[in-house]
N, C-alpha and C. Protein backbone atom coordinates (compact mmCIF):
# COMPACT_ATOMS: atom_id res chain seq x y z
N MET A 1 10.05 36.92 -16.37
CA MET A 1 9.25 36.09 -17.22
C MET A 1 8.06 35.59 -16.39
N VAL A 2 6.89 35.61 -16.97
CA VAL A 2 5.67 35.22 -16.31
C VAL A 2 5.39 33.77 -16.66
N ALA A 3 5.11 33.00 -15.61
CA ALA A 3 4.79 31.59 -15.86
C ALA A 3 3.41 31.47 -16.49
N PRO A 4 3.29 30.59 -17.47
CA PRO A 4 1.96 30.45 -18.07
C PRO A 4 0.96 29.88 -17.07
N THR A 5 -0.25 30.38 -17.17
CA THR A 5 -1.28 29.91 -16.25
C THR A 5 -1.89 28.61 -16.79
N LYS A 6 -2.20 27.78 -15.83
CA LYS A 6 -2.77 26.48 -16.18
C LYS A 6 -4.29 26.59 -16.12
N ARG A 7 -4.93 26.29 -17.21
CA ARG A 7 -6.38 26.35 -17.25
C ARG A 7 -6.96 25.16 -16.50
N LYS A 8 -7.97 25.44 -15.71
CA LYS A 8 -8.68 24.34 -15.02
C LYS A 8 -9.62 23.74 -16.00
N ARG A 9 -9.63 22.45 -16.02
CA ARG A 9 -10.62 21.82 -16.92
C ARG A 9 -11.89 21.63 -16.08
N PRO A 10 -13.03 21.76 -16.75
CA PRO A 10 -14.28 21.57 -16.02
C PRO A 10 -14.42 20.15 -15.49
N LYS A 11 -15.06 20.06 -14.34
CA LYS A 11 -15.29 18.77 -13.70
C LYS A 11 -16.32 17.98 -14.53
N ARG A 12 -15.93 16.81 -14.90
CA ARG A 12 -16.84 15.97 -15.65
C ARG A 12 -17.77 15.27 -14.74
N ARG A 13 -18.93 14.89 -15.23
CA ARG A 13 -19.94 14.19 -14.43
C ARG A 13 -19.36 12.90 -13.86
N SER A 14 -18.56 12.19 -14.63
CA SER A 14 -18.00 10.93 -14.11
C SER A 14 -17.12 11.15 -12.91
N GLU A 15 -16.41 12.31 -12.87
CA GLU A 15 -15.54 12.58 -11.71
C GLU A 15 -16.39 12.81 -10.46
N SER A 16 -17.55 13.51 -10.56
CA SER A 16 -18.37 13.73 -9.39
C SER A 16 -18.98 12.42 -8.92
N VAL A 17 -19.32 11.54 -9.84
CA VAL A 17 -19.87 10.23 -9.45
C VAL A 17 -18.78 9.43 -8.75
N MET A 18 -17.55 9.48 -9.28
CA MET A 18 -16.45 8.75 -8.65
C MET A 18 -16.19 9.30 -7.25
N ALA A 19 -16.28 10.61 -7.06
CA ALA A 19 -16.07 11.20 -5.74
C ALA A 19 -17.13 10.72 -4.77
N ARG A 20 -18.40 10.66 -5.20
CA ARG A 20 -19.49 10.17 -4.34
C ARG A 20 -19.25 8.70 -4.00
N ARG A 21 -18.85 7.93 -4.95
CA ARG A 21 -18.63 6.53 -4.68
C ARG A 21 -17.46 6.31 -3.75
N ALA A 22 -16.47 7.18 -3.83
CA ALA A 22 -15.30 7.07 -2.94
C ALA A 22 -15.70 7.42 -1.50
N LEU A 23 -16.64 8.33 -1.35
CA LEU A 23 -17.11 8.71 -0.01
C LEU A 23 -17.94 7.60 0.62
N GLY A 24 -18.67 6.80 -0.13
CA GLY A 24 -19.55 5.78 0.38
C GLY A 24 -18.82 4.80 1.28
N PRO A 25 -17.73 4.17 0.88
CA PRO A 25 -17.04 3.23 1.75
C PRO A 25 -16.48 3.91 2.98
N PHE A 26 -16.03 5.15 2.89
CA PHE A 26 -15.55 5.88 4.06
C PHE A 26 -16.65 6.04 5.08
N LEU A 27 -17.85 6.47 4.59
CA LEU A 27 -18.99 6.61 5.48
C LEU A 27 -19.39 5.29 6.11
N ALA A 28 -19.37 4.25 5.33
CA ALA A 28 -19.73 2.91 5.86
C ALA A 28 -18.77 2.49 6.98
N VAL A 29 -17.47 2.71 6.77
CA VAL A 29 -16.50 2.35 7.80
C VAL A 29 -16.69 3.19 9.02
N ALA A 30 -16.91 4.48 8.84
CA ALA A 30 -17.13 5.38 10.00
C ALA A 30 -18.37 4.95 10.81
N LEU A 31 -19.42 4.60 10.09
CA LEU A 31 -20.63 4.18 10.77
C LEU A 31 -20.47 2.80 11.43
N ALA A 32 -19.69 1.94 10.79
CA ALA A 32 -19.44 0.62 11.37
C ALA A 32 -18.68 0.76 12.70
N CYS A 33 -17.72 1.64 12.73
CA CYS A 33 -16.96 1.85 13.97
C CYS A 33 -17.89 2.41 15.04
N ALA A 34 -18.80 3.29 14.68
CA ALA A 34 -19.69 3.89 15.67
C ALA A 34 -20.69 2.85 16.17
N CYS A 35 -20.94 1.81 15.40
CA CYS A 35 -21.90 0.77 15.76
C CYS A 35 -21.23 -0.46 16.37
N ALA A 36 -19.97 -0.33 16.75
CA ALA A 36 -19.24 -1.45 17.26
C ALA A 36 -19.84 -1.95 18.57
N PRO A 37 -19.57 -3.18 18.97
CA PRO A 37 -20.13 -3.66 20.22
C PRO A 37 -19.81 -2.73 21.36
N GLY A 38 -20.81 -2.50 22.19
CA GLY A 38 -20.68 -1.54 23.25
C GLY A 38 -21.17 -0.15 22.88
N GLY A 39 -21.29 0.11 21.58
CA GLY A 39 -21.76 1.42 21.14
C GLY A 39 -23.20 1.61 21.49
N GLY A 40 -23.98 0.57 21.67
CA GLY A 40 -25.39 0.73 22.01
C GLY A 40 -25.66 0.58 23.47
N LYS A 41 -24.64 0.52 24.31
CA LYS A 41 -24.81 0.31 25.74
C LYS A 41 -24.85 1.68 26.44
N GLY A 42 -25.37 1.63 27.68
CA GLY A 42 -25.36 2.83 28.51
C GLY A 42 -26.76 3.39 28.63
N SER A 43 -26.80 4.67 29.05
CA SER A 43 -28.09 5.31 29.29
C SER A 43 -28.75 5.64 27.95
N ALA A 44 -29.91 6.22 28.04
CA ALA A 44 -30.59 6.59 26.79
C ALA A 44 -29.65 7.47 25.99
N HIS A 45 -29.72 7.36 24.69
CA HIS A 45 -28.71 7.98 23.80
C HIS A 45 -29.21 9.27 23.21
N ALA A 46 -29.92 10.08 24.00
CA ALA A 46 -30.38 11.34 23.48
C ALA A 46 -29.24 12.27 23.26
N LEU A 47 -29.26 12.95 22.11
CA LEU A 47 -28.25 13.94 21.80
C LEU A 47 -28.86 15.33 21.87
N GLY A 48 -28.43 16.13 22.77
CA GLY A 48 -28.98 17.50 22.90
C GLY A 48 -28.23 18.47 22.06
N ASP A 49 -27.13 18.05 21.43
CA ASP A 49 -26.29 18.99 20.71
C ASP A 49 -26.24 18.75 19.20
N HIS A 50 -27.07 17.88 18.68
CA HIS A 50 -27.05 17.64 17.24
C HIS A 50 -27.50 18.91 16.52
N PRO A 51 -26.85 19.30 15.43
CA PRO A 51 -27.16 20.58 14.78
C PRO A 51 -28.58 20.67 14.20
N LEU A 52 -29.27 19.54 14.05
CA LEU A 52 -30.61 19.63 13.48
C LEU A 52 -31.69 19.85 14.53
N ILE A 53 -31.37 19.72 15.81
CA ILE A 53 -32.39 19.94 16.84
C ILE A 53 -32.89 21.36 16.75
N GLY A 54 -34.21 21.49 16.64
CA GLY A 54 -34.86 22.81 16.51
C GLY A 54 -34.93 23.34 15.10
N ALA A 55 -34.40 22.56 14.14
CA ALA A 55 -34.43 22.97 12.74
C ALA A 55 -35.40 22.10 11.96
N ALA A 56 -35.79 22.60 10.81
CA ALA A 56 -36.65 21.81 9.90
C ALA A 56 -35.84 20.60 9.43
N ALA A 57 -36.49 19.46 9.42
CA ALA A 57 -35.81 18.26 8.96
C ALA A 57 -35.49 18.38 7.47
N PRO A 58 -34.33 17.92 7.08
CA PRO A 58 -34.01 17.92 5.64
C PRO A 58 -35.00 17.07 4.84
N ALA A 59 -35.19 17.40 3.60
CA ALA A 59 -36.11 16.64 2.76
C ALA A 59 -35.63 15.18 2.72
N LEU A 60 -36.59 14.27 2.60
CA LEU A 60 -36.26 12.86 2.50
C LEU A 60 -37.22 12.27 1.47
N ASP A 61 -36.69 11.71 0.45
CA ASP A 61 -37.51 11.06 -0.60
C ASP A 61 -36.59 10.01 -1.28
N ILE A 62 -36.73 8.75 -0.84
CA ILE A 62 -35.91 7.67 -1.35
C ILE A 62 -36.80 6.52 -1.80
N PRO A 63 -36.28 5.64 -2.67
CA PRO A 63 -37.14 4.52 -3.09
C PRO A 63 -37.45 3.57 -1.95
N ALA A 64 -38.68 3.14 -1.92
CA ALA A 64 -39.08 2.09 -0.94
C ALA A 64 -38.59 0.74 -1.48
N LEU A 65 -38.60 -0.24 -0.61
CA LEU A 65 -38.13 -1.56 -1.03
C LEU A 65 -39.02 -2.23 -2.05
N LYS A 66 -40.30 -1.95 -1.98
CA LYS A 66 -41.26 -2.64 -2.82
C LYS A 66 -41.82 -1.71 -3.87
N GLY A 67 -41.87 -2.21 -5.11
CA GLY A 67 -42.51 -1.50 -6.18
C GLY A 67 -41.92 -0.16 -6.49
N LYS A 68 -42.78 0.74 -6.91
CA LYS A 68 -42.34 2.08 -7.29
C LYS A 68 -42.66 3.09 -6.18
N ALA A 69 -42.99 2.60 -5.01
CA ALA A 69 -43.34 3.46 -3.89
C ALA A 69 -42.10 4.26 -3.43
N ARG A 70 -42.36 5.29 -2.66
CA ARG A 70 -41.29 6.15 -2.15
C ARG A 70 -41.43 6.23 -0.65
N VAL A 71 -40.33 6.38 0.02
CA VAL A 71 -40.29 6.73 1.44
C VAL A 71 -40.03 8.24 1.45
N ALA A 72 -41.10 9.03 1.67
CA ALA A 72 -41.02 10.45 1.52
C ALA A 72 -41.56 11.13 2.77
N LEU A 73 -40.77 11.98 3.36
CA LEU A 73 -41.16 12.73 4.53
C LEU A 73 -42.40 13.57 4.26
N ALA A 74 -42.46 14.19 3.10
CA ALA A 74 -43.61 15.04 2.75
C ALA A 74 -44.95 14.32 2.82
N SER A 75 -44.94 13.00 2.64
CA SER A 75 -46.20 12.24 2.67
C SER A 75 -46.73 12.09 4.11
N HIS A 76 -45.98 12.51 5.09
CA HIS A 76 -46.36 12.33 6.49
C HIS A 76 -46.51 13.69 7.20
N ALA A 77 -46.79 14.73 6.40
CA ALA A 77 -46.95 16.07 7.00
C ALA A 77 -48.07 16.06 8.01
N GLY A 78 -47.84 16.74 9.11
CA GLY A 78 -48.83 16.83 10.17
C GLY A 78 -48.72 15.73 11.20
N GLN A 79 -47.92 14.73 10.95
CA GLN A 79 -47.73 13.62 11.90
C GLN A 79 -46.41 13.77 12.63
N VAL A 80 -46.34 13.15 13.82
CA VAL A 80 -45.04 13.00 14.46
C VAL A 80 -44.36 11.85 13.69
N VAL A 81 -43.07 12.07 13.37
CA VAL A 81 -42.34 11.10 12.53
C VAL A 81 -41.00 10.78 13.21
N ILE A 82 -40.65 9.48 13.19
CA ILE A 82 -39.33 9.06 13.58
C ILE A 82 -38.62 8.67 12.25
N VAL A 83 -37.57 9.41 11.95
CA VAL A 83 -36.69 9.06 10.79
C VAL A 83 -35.51 8.31 11.38
N ASP A 84 -35.42 7.03 11.02
CA ASP A 84 -34.40 6.16 11.62
C ASP A 84 -33.37 5.75 10.56
N PHE A 85 -32.12 6.10 10.81
CA PHE A 85 -31.02 5.62 9.97
C PHE A 85 -30.44 4.37 10.58
N TRP A 86 -30.26 3.35 9.74
CA TRP A 86 -29.90 2.00 10.26
C TRP A 86 -29.14 1.26 9.16
N ALA A 87 -28.66 0.05 9.51
CA ALA A 87 -28.01 -0.82 8.56
C ALA A 87 -28.20 -2.25 8.99
N THR A 88 -28.14 -3.16 8.02
CA THR A 88 -28.38 -4.57 8.32
C THR A 88 -27.24 -5.16 9.18
N TRP A 89 -26.04 -4.61 9.14
CA TRP A 89 -24.94 -5.11 9.93
C TRP A 89 -24.92 -4.55 11.37
N CYS A 90 -25.84 -3.73 11.71
CA CYS A 90 -25.89 -3.05 13.00
C CYS A 90 -26.76 -3.84 13.97
N GLU A 91 -26.12 -4.41 15.00
CA GLU A 91 -26.85 -5.25 15.97
C GLU A 91 -27.91 -4.45 16.77
N PRO A 92 -27.60 -3.22 17.27
CA PRO A 92 -28.63 -2.48 17.96
C PRO A 92 -29.84 -2.18 17.10
N CYS A 93 -29.67 -2.15 15.77
CA CYS A 93 -30.79 -1.91 14.87
C CYS A 93 -31.80 -3.06 14.94
N ARG A 94 -31.33 -4.24 15.19
CA ARG A 94 -32.23 -5.42 15.34
C ARG A 94 -33.13 -5.26 16.53
N GLN A 95 -32.67 -4.52 17.56
CA GLN A 95 -33.49 -4.28 18.75
C GLN A 95 -34.43 -3.09 18.51
N SER A 96 -33.99 -2.12 17.76
CA SER A 96 -34.80 -0.91 17.59
C SER A 96 -36.02 -1.11 16.72
N PHE A 97 -35.92 -1.92 15.69
CA PHE A 97 -37.07 -2.09 14.79
C PHE A 97 -38.32 -2.63 15.50
N PRO A 98 -38.21 -3.69 16.33
CA PRO A 98 -39.45 -4.12 17.03
C PRO A 98 -39.97 -3.04 17.97
N ALA A 99 -39.08 -2.26 18.58
CA ALA A 99 -39.52 -1.20 19.50
C ALA A 99 -40.27 -0.11 18.70
N TYR A 100 -39.75 0.26 17.55
CA TYR A 100 -40.44 1.25 16.73
C TYR A 100 -41.79 0.73 16.25
N GLN A 101 -41.87 -0.55 15.91
CA GLN A 101 -43.14 -1.11 15.45
C GLN A 101 -44.15 -1.07 16.57
N LYS A 102 -43.75 -1.35 17.81
CA LYS A 102 -44.66 -1.25 18.96
C LYS A 102 -45.18 0.17 19.12
N LEU A 103 -44.30 1.16 18.96
CA LEU A 103 -44.75 2.54 19.05
C LEU A 103 -45.75 2.89 17.98
N VAL A 104 -45.50 2.46 16.72
CA VAL A 104 -46.43 2.71 15.64
C VAL A 104 -47.79 2.07 15.96
N ASP A 105 -47.77 0.84 16.46
CA ASP A 105 -49.00 0.12 16.82
C ASP A 105 -49.72 0.86 17.92
N GLU A 106 -49.00 1.35 18.90
CA GLU A 106 -49.57 2.01 20.07
C GLU A 106 -50.21 3.36 19.70
N PHE A 107 -49.53 4.15 18.89
CA PHE A 107 -50.01 5.49 18.59
C PHE A 107 -50.81 5.59 17.29
N GLY A 108 -50.99 4.46 16.57
CA GLY A 108 -51.80 4.46 15.37
C GLY A 108 -51.36 5.50 14.34
N GLY A 109 -52.31 6.19 13.77
CA GLY A 109 -52.04 7.14 12.70
C GLY A 109 -51.40 8.44 13.12
N LYS A 110 -51.13 8.60 14.40
CA LYS A 110 -50.49 9.85 14.86
C LYS A 110 -48.97 9.81 14.74
N LEU A 111 -48.42 8.59 14.58
CA LEU A 111 -46.94 8.44 14.48
C LEU A 111 -46.59 7.61 13.25
N SER A 112 -45.56 8.07 12.54
CA SER A 112 -45.00 7.31 11.45
C SER A 112 -43.52 7.09 11.71
N VAL A 113 -43.04 5.92 11.32
CA VAL A 113 -41.60 5.64 11.32
C VAL A 113 -41.19 5.45 9.90
N LEU A 114 -40.11 6.14 9.50
CA LEU A 114 -39.49 6.00 8.18
C LEU A 114 -38.08 5.48 8.37
N ALA A 115 -37.84 4.24 7.94
CA ALA A 115 -36.53 3.64 8.16
C ALA A 115 -35.64 3.79 6.92
N VAL A 116 -34.46 4.32 7.10
CA VAL A 116 -33.54 4.65 6.01
C VAL A 116 -32.31 3.81 6.13
N SER A 117 -32.14 2.84 5.24
CA SER A 117 -30.97 1.96 5.26
C SER A 117 -29.82 2.64 4.57
N VAL A 118 -28.64 2.60 5.22
CA VAL A 118 -27.43 3.14 4.65
C VAL A 118 -26.53 2.03 4.11
N ASP A 119 -27.04 0.85 3.98
CA ASP A 119 -26.25 -0.26 3.47
C ASP A 119 -25.71 0.05 2.07
N GLU A 120 -24.56 -0.56 1.75
CA GLU A 120 -23.97 -0.38 0.42
C GLU A 120 -24.80 -0.96 -0.71
N SER A 121 -25.58 -2.02 -0.42
CA SER A 121 -26.49 -2.58 -1.42
C SER A 121 -27.77 -2.97 -0.72
N PRO A 122 -28.86 -3.11 -1.45
CA PRO A 122 -30.14 -3.42 -0.83
C PRO A 122 -30.44 -4.89 -0.61
N GLU A 123 -29.51 -5.79 -0.99
CA GLU A 123 -29.82 -7.22 -1.02
C GLU A 123 -30.30 -7.75 0.34
N GLY A 124 -29.67 -7.43 1.45
CA GLY A 124 -30.03 -8.00 2.75
C GLY A 124 -31.19 -7.31 3.45
N ILE A 125 -31.65 -6.21 2.92
CA ILE A 125 -32.68 -5.39 3.60
C ILE A 125 -33.98 -6.16 3.78
N PRO A 126 -34.58 -6.81 2.72
CA PRO A 126 -35.86 -7.50 2.92
C PRO A 126 -35.79 -8.55 4.02
N ALA A 127 -34.72 -9.32 4.11
CA ALA A 127 -34.60 -10.36 5.14
C ALA A 127 -34.54 -9.73 6.54
N PHE A 128 -33.82 -8.61 6.65
CA PHE A 128 -33.72 -7.93 7.93
C PHE A 128 -35.10 -7.42 8.37
N VAL A 129 -35.83 -6.79 7.46
CA VAL A 129 -37.16 -6.26 7.77
C VAL A 129 -38.09 -7.41 8.20
N ALA A 130 -38.06 -8.53 7.44
CA ALA A 130 -38.90 -9.67 7.80
C ALA A 130 -38.55 -10.21 9.17
N ALA A 131 -37.28 -10.33 9.49
CA ALA A 131 -36.81 -10.90 10.75
C ALA A 131 -37.20 -10.02 11.93
N THR A 132 -37.31 -8.72 11.75
CA THR A 132 -37.62 -7.80 12.83
C THR A 132 -39.12 -7.49 12.95
N GLY A 133 -39.92 -7.94 11.96
CA GLY A 133 -41.36 -7.69 12.03
C GLY A 133 -41.80 -6.30 11.71
N ALA A 134 -40.96 -5.51 11.10
CA ALA A 134 -41.30 -4.10 10.80
C ALA A 134 -42.32 -4.04 9.70
N LYS A 135 -43.33 -3.18 9.89
CA LYS A 135 -44.35 -2.95 8.86
C LYS A 135 -44.36 -1.51 8.37
N PHE A 136 -43.49 -0.68 8.97
CA PHE A 136 -43.43 0.72 8.57
C PHE A 136 -42.60 0.83 7.30
N PRO A 137 -42.66 2.01 6.64
CA PRO A 137 -41.93 2.20 5.37
C PRO A 137 -40.41 2.09 5.57
N VAL A 138 -39.79 1.33 4.67
CA VAL A 138 -38.34 1.14 4.68
C VAL A 138 -37.79 1.42 3.32
N GLY A 139 -36.74 2.25 3.25
CA GLY A 139 -36.13 2.58 1.99
C GLY A 139 -34.63 2.43 2.05
N TRP A 140 -34.02 2.43 0.88
CA TRP A 140 -32.58 2.30 0.75
C TRP A 140 -32.00 3.64 0.29
N ASP A 141 -31.06 4.18 1.07
CA ASP A 141 -30.44 5.45 0.76
C ASP A 141 -29.16 5.19 -0.07
N GLU A 142 -29.38 4.91 -1.37
CA GLU A 142 -28.28 4.60 -2.24
C GLU A 142 -27.28 5.79 -2.27
N GLY A 143 -26.02 5.50 -2.00
CA GLY A 143 -25.00 6.56 -1.98
C GLY A 143 -25.03 7.40 -0.71
N GLN A 144 -25.87 7.04 0.27
CA GLN A 144 -25.97 7.73 1.52
C GLN A 144 -26.22 9.25 1.37
N VAL A 145 -27.02 9.62 0.39
CA VAL A 145 -27.32 11.04 0.14
C VAL A 145 -28.12 11.61 1.31
N ALA A 146 -29.16 10.92 1.75
CA ALA A 146 -29.97 11.43 2.88
C ALA A 146 -29.14 11.45 4.15
N ALA A 147 -28.31 10.44 4.34
CA ALA A 147 -27.45 10.40 5.53
C ALA A 147 -26.52 11.62 5.57
N GLN A 148 -26.07 12.06 4.44
CA GLN A 148 -25.18 13.25 4.39
C GLN A 148 -25.92 14.51 4.85
N SER A 149 -27.26 14.55 4.60
CA SER A 149 -28.03 15.68 5.03
C SER A 149 -28.36 15.63 6.52
N TYR A 150 -28.65 14.46 7.03
CA TYR A 150 -29.01 14.30 8.46
C TYR A 150 -27.82 14.15 9.37
N LYS A 151 -26.71 13.61 8.87
CA LYS A 151 -25.50 13.38 9.62
C LYS A 151 -25.70 12.54 10.89
N PRO A 152 -26.17 11.31 10.71
CA PRO A 152 -26.30 10.43 11.89
C PRO A 152 -24.91 10.07 12.40
N PRO A 153 -24.63 10.23 13.73
CA PRO A 153 -23.31 9.94 14.23
C PRO A 153 -22.99 8.48 14.36
N LYS A 154 -23.99 7.62 14.43
CA LYS A 154 -23.77 6.18 14.54
C LYS A 154 -25.06 5.46 14.11
N MET A 155 -25.02 4.16 14.07
CA MET A 155 -26.19 3.38 13.71
C MET A 155 -26.70 2.67 14.95
N PRO A 156 -27.98 2.63 15.18
CA PRO A 156 -28.97 3.46 14.52
C PRO A 156 -28.97 4.88 15.09
N THR A 157 -29.48 5.82 14.35
CA THR A 157 -29.79 7.14 14.87
C THR A 157 -31.18 7.50 14.43
N SER A 158 -31.97 7.91 15.40
CA SER A 158 -33.35 8.31 15.11
C SER A 158 -33.55 9.79 15.35
N PHE A 159 -34.26 10.41 14.43
CA PHE A 159 -34.63 11.80 14.51
C PHE A 159 -36.13 11.85 14.72
N ILE A 160 -36.54 12.48 15.82
CA ILE A 160 -37.98 12.54 16.11
C ILE A 160 -38.45 13.93 15.76
N LEU A 161 -39.40 14.01 14.81
CA LEU A 161 -39.90 15.26 14.28
C LEU A 161 -41.32 15.54 14.78
N ASP A 162 -41.62 16.79 15.08
CA ASP A 162 -42.98 17.15 15.45
C ASP A 162 -43.86 17.23 14.21
N GLY A 163 -45.13 17.52 14.38
CA GLY A 163 -46.07 17.58 13.29
C GLY A 163 -45.79 18.64 12.26
N SER A 164 -44.90 19.60 12.60
CA SER A 164 -44.53 20.66 11.65
C SER A 164 -43.21 20.33 10.93
N GLY A 165 -42.65 19.13 11.21
CA GLY A 165 -41.42 18.73 10.52
C GLY A 165 -40.16 19.25 11.18
N ILE A 166 -40.26 19.72 12.44
CA ILE A 166 -39.09 20.26 13.15
C ILE A 166 -38.47 19.11 13.93
N VAL A 167 -37.14 18.95 13.88
CA VAL A 167 -36.43 17.94 14.65
C VAL A 167 -36.45 18.38 16.12
N ARG A 168 -37.06 17.55 16.97
CA ARG A 168 -37.17 17.86 18.39
C ARG A 168 -36.22 17.01 19.23
N PHE A 169 -36.00 15.79 18.81
CA PHE A 169 -35.10 14.88 19.56
C PHE A 169 -34.26 14.08 18.60
N VAL A 170 -33.03 13.74 19.04
CA VAL A 170 -32.16 12.87 18.26
C VAL A 170 -31.60 11.82 19.23
N HIS A 171 -31.62 10.57 18.81
CA HIS A 171 -31.04 9.49 19.59
C HIS A 171 -30.02 8.75 18.75
N ALA A 172 -28.82 8.59 19.30
CA ALA A 172 -27.76 7.83 18.63
C ALA A 172 -27.56 6.52 19.37
N GLY A 173 -27.72 5.41 18.68
CA GLY A 173 -27.60 4.08 19.29
C GLY A 173 -28.97 3.64 19.82
N PHE A 174 -29.01 2.39 20.28
CA PHE A 174 -30.21 1.87 20.87
C PHE A 174 -29.86 0.70 21.75
N SER A 175 -30.46 0.67 22.93
CA SER A 175 -30.30 -0.49 23.82
C SER A 175 -31.64 -0.70 24.54
N HIS A 176 -31.80 -1.88 25.11
CA HIS A 176 -33.01 -2.24 25.81
C HIS A 176 -33.34 -1.16 26.84
N GLY A 177 -34.56 -0.68 26.82
CA GLY A 177 -35.00 0.37 27.74
C GLY A 177 -35.14 1.74 27.09
N ASP A 178 -34.44 1.94 25.99
CA ASP A 178 -34.51 3.23 25.29
C ASP A 178 -35.93 3.56 24.79
N GLU A 179 -36.72 2.49 24.53
CA GLU A 179 -38.08 2.69 24.01
C GLU A 179 -38.94 3.46 25.01
N VAL A 180 -38.63 3.42 26.31
CA VAL A 180 -39.40 4.16 27.32
C VAL A 180 -39.23 5.67 27.07
N GLU A 181 -37.97 6.10 26.91
CA GLU A 181 -37.72 7.50 26.64
C GLU A 181 -38.29 7.95 25.30
N LEU A 182 -38.14 7.11 24.27
CA LEU A 182 -38.72 7.42 22.95
C LEU A 182 -40.23 7.59 23.06
N ARG A 183 -40.89 6.71 23.77
CA ARG A 183 -42.35 6.79 23.95
C ARG A 183 -42.74 8.13 24.60
N GLN A 184 -42.00 8.52 25.66
CA GLN A 184 -42.29 9.80 26.34
C GLN A 184 -42.11 10.97 25.40
N GLU A 185 -41.03 10.95 24.62
CA GLU A 185 -40.75 12.05 23.70
C GLU A 185 -41.80 12.14 22.60
N VAL A 186 -42.18 11.00 22.05
CA VAL A 186 -43.21 10.98 21.03
C VAL A 186 -44.54 11.50 21.60
N ARG A 187 -44.90 11.01 22.76
CA ARG A 187 -46.16 11.42 23.40
C ARG A 187 -46.14 12.94 23.64
N SER A 188 -45.00 13.53 24.02
CA SER A 188 -44.93 14.95 24.29
C SER A 188 -45.19 15.82 23.06
N LEU A 189 -45.14 15.21 21.88
CA LEU A 189 -45.31 15.99 20.64
C LEU A 189 -46.74 15.98 20.08
N PHE A 190 -47.62 15.21 20.75
CA PHE A 190 -49.03 15.18 20.27
C PHE A 190 -49.80 16.37 20.83
């Protein structure tokens, strides 16, 4: 006797949304563990083995915090760009933002920083940005869709792209003094 086959029912849209929402807290916990005290200590946090090094940066187009503006990588074609993944609960991120702003001020229109928040909600982002003095574009990655493409191993993680959009350097974490290495790497791409 042959057992009747069970038909698979098609995946409904609500199930895929539920699966994405279920992944969000897991990603937040994983990133929180990576950003634990001591995670930003040590030597410069350059990663030579991240899979995006030498590859074209994944597309990035998320809502900016203000108005209907977008934080879009395509808008910065031809520039050196730092794509920074961060969160309001990440203490090293509070150190990195002022350092990135100094780099933007130093290099003028040749460098852009795009800050991508992976927070679960956008409520605390404006206060964080104001407290750190950042003037560069900041957006909220709702559902961590961009983070899934870039795969930052911890908070903060910065991806330094050349003028052609190729990822040349990746830094995981941030501590005092890392800005020296970041400045050298950015300068090497001009």
